[in-house]
Protein backbone atom coordinates (compact mmCIF):
# COMPACT_ATOMS: atom_id res chain seq x y z
CA MET A 1 0.00 0.00 0.00
CA LYS A 2 1.26 3.46 -0.95
CA LYS A 3 2.12 5.61 2.07
CA TYR A 4 1.94 8.99 0.34
CA GLU A 5 1.28 10.67 -3.00
CA LEU A 6 2.36 13.99 -4.52
CA ILE A 7 0.17 17.02 -5.11
CA ASP A 8 1.33 19.13 -8.05
CA HIS A 9 1.38 22.84 -7.22
CA THR A 10 3.36 25.77 -8.66
CA ALA A 11 6.34 26.95 -6.54
CA ASP A 12 5.18 24.46 -3.91
CA ILE A 13 4.99 20.71 -3.64
CA GLY A 14 2.47 18.85 -1.54
CA ILE A 15 1.80 15.38 -0.26
CA ILE A 16 -1.08 13.33 1.00
CA ALA A 17 0.12 11.00 3.76
CA TYR A 18 -1.76 8.01 5.15
CA GLY A 19 -1.66 6.25 8.49
CA SER A 20 -3.75 3.84 10.52
CA THR A 21 -3.27 6.21 13.49
CA LYS A 22 -2.83 9.98 13.75
CA GLU A 23 0.73 9.38 14.93
CA GLU A 24 1.54 7.19 11.93
CA ALA A 25 0.15 9.81 9.52
CA PHE A 26 2.39 12.43 11.21
CA GLU A 27 5.40 10.09 10.89
CA VAL A 28 4.67 9.43 7.19
CA SER A 29 4.33 13.20 6.58
CA ALA A 30 7.84 13.75 7.96
CA GLU A 31 9.24 10.77 6.03
CA ALA A 32 7.70 12.12 2.82
CA MET A 33 9.11 15.61 3.46
CA PHE A 34 12.65 14.26 3.87
CA ASP A 35 12.19 11.84 0.95
CA LEU A 36 11.35 14.86 -1.24
CA MET A 37 14.63 16.46 -0.12
CA CYS A 38 16.91 13.40 -0.29
CA PRO A 39 16.01 9.75 -1.08
CA LEU A 40 15.43 8.02 2.27
CA GLU A 41 17.48 4.98 1.22
CA LYS A 42 20.59 7.21 1.31
CA ILE A 43 19.99 8.11 4.97
CA ASP A 44 21.14 5.86 7.82
CA GLU A 45 19.61 5.80 11.31
CA LYS A 46 22.86 6.56 13.18
CA GLU A 47 21.62 9.26 15.56
CA ARG A 48 18.48 9.96 17.55
CA PHE A 49 17.24 13.49 18.04
CA ASP A 50 14.16 14.26 20.17
CA ILE A 51 11.78 17.11 19.45
CA GLU A 52 8.83 18.24 21.55
CA VAL A 53 6.39 20.88 20.36
CA ASP A 54 3.18 22.45 21.63
CA ALA A 55 0.51 24.19 19.58
CA GLU A 56 -3.06 25.35 19.87
CA ASP A 57 -4.54 22.64 17.60
CA LEU A 58 -3.66 19.53 15.59
CA GLU A 59 -3.00 21.38 12.31
CA SER A 60 -0.68 23.89 14.01
CA LEU A 61 1.04 21.00 15.79
CA LEU A 62 1.85 19.32 12.46
CA VAL A 63 3.11 22.52 10.80
CA THR A 64 5.15 23.53 13.88
CA TRP A 65 6.74 20.08 14.15
CA LEU A 66 7.60 19.77 10.44
CA ASN A 67 9.04 23.30 10.42
CA GLU A 68 11.09 22.41 13.52
CA LEU A 69 12.47 19.38 11.63
CA LEU A 70 13.49 21.69 8.76
CA TYR A 71 15.11 24.05 11.29
CA VAL A 72 17.12 21.17 12.81
CA PHE A 73 18.24 20.17 9.31
CA ASP A 74 19.27 23.75 8.48
CA VAL A 75 21.03 24.51 11.77
CA LYS A 76 22.34 21.18 13.09
CA ARG A 77 22.69 19.58 9.61
CA LEU A 78 20.81 16.45 10.72
CA ILE A 79 18.83 14.64 8.04
CA PHE A 80 16.15 12.19 9.16
CA LYS A 81 14.65 8.97 7.88
CA LYS A 82 12.42 7.53 10.60
CA PHE A 83 10.16 9.03 13.25
CA ASN A 84 8.35 7.81 16.36
CA VAL A 85 5.61 10.25 17.30
CA THR A 86 3.55 10.42 20.47
CA LEU A 87 0.63 12.83 20.50
CA ILE A 88 -0.74 14.12 23.78
CA GLY A 89 -4.21 15.34 22.86
CA ASN A 90 -4.24 17.75 19.93
CA ASN A 91 -1.80 20.18 21.54
CA GLN A 92 1.45 18.37 22.30
CA LEU A 93 3.80 16.19 20.29
CA ILE A 94 6.87 14.25 21.37
CA SER A 95 9.02 12.74 18.64
CA HIS A 96 12.12 10.58 18.40
CA CYS A 97 13.77 11.28 15.05
CA PHE A 98 16.38 8.96 13.57
CA GLY A 99 18.94 9.94 10.95
CA GLU A 100 22.49 11.18 10.61
CA LYS A 101 24.69 14.22 9.99
CA PHE A 102 24.21 15.56 6.47
CA ASP A 103 27.12 14.61 4.19
CA PRO A 104 27.06 16.22 0.71
CA ARG A 105 29.12 13.31 -0.67
CA LYS A 106 26.44 10.84 0.44
CA HIS A 107 23.18 12.82 0.54
CA GLU A 108 22.11 14.47 -2.68
CA ILE A 109 19.57 17.23 -2.07
CA ILE A 110 16.98 16.85 -4.83
CA ARG A 111 14.93 19.85 -3.77
CA GLU A 112 15.18 22.36 -1.00
CA ILE A 113 12.11 22.76 1.19
CA LYS A 114 11.97 26.25 2.70
CA ALA A 115 8.91 25.86 4.89
CA VAL A 116 5.74 23.96 5.68
CA THR A 117 2.61 25.96 4.85
CA TYR A 118 -1.01 26.08 5.98
CA ASN A 119 -2.05 26.19 2.31
CA LEU A 120 -4.51 23.33 1.57
CA LEU A 121 -3.66 21.77 4.96
CA LYS A 122 -6.04 19.00 5.97
CA ILE A 123 -5.98 16.34 8.68
CA GLU A 124 -8.92 13.95 8.66
CA ASN A 125 -10.01 10.47 9.60
CA LYS A 126 -11.79 8.68 6.76
CA ASP A 127 -12.84 5.03 6.90
CA ASN A 128 -10.57 4.34 9.90
CA GLN A 129 -7.56 5.83 8.12
CA TRP A 130 -5.85 9.12 8.95
CA ILE A 131 -5.11 11.33 5.96
CA ILE A 132 -2.86 14.39 6.05
CA GLN A 133 -2.57 16.80 3.17
CA VAL A 134 0.27 19.29 3.48
CA VAL A 135 2.04 21.68 1.10
CA PHE A 136 5.72 22.64 1.27
CA ASP A 137 7.20 25.91 0.04
CA ILE A 138 10.17 25.07 -2.22
C-alpha cells in the first residue's frame, strides 16, 4: 500500500500521507518531506534526536513540528529517515527522530524545502484511516 502521493502545485509541492493512526500519519508526513529532499534509502539511522512541540490545535502542531524538523536540518545539519511520534491530545507532540549528519558526498539534495505551509492543509479520519494533506514551500 502506498504511504503517500504527490500534489502538483506551482512553486510548492504537496503530499497526501496516510496512516492507521494519527501518529503514523504524522510520521509518514515527515518521512515524505525528507524523501522529497533526499532519497530516504541514502539516509542511515545513526543518531536519535528528540523534538517536543506544543501548539493550539492539531494542524498547528503538524506545521510547527515539520518546520522544527526543517530548522534542525538547516542549523544542526541532521537529516532524518524515521520518526516515532507520540501525540498528547491535539496540543502536544513528542518525537524521536532517527537519521544522521548531512554529508554532501552521500546525501544528494533533490529539492530544497523552505517551509511547511497552511495552504490546503487537511488532517482527517476517513474510513478508519488518517489522511494528512500538506504543502511545502520550495
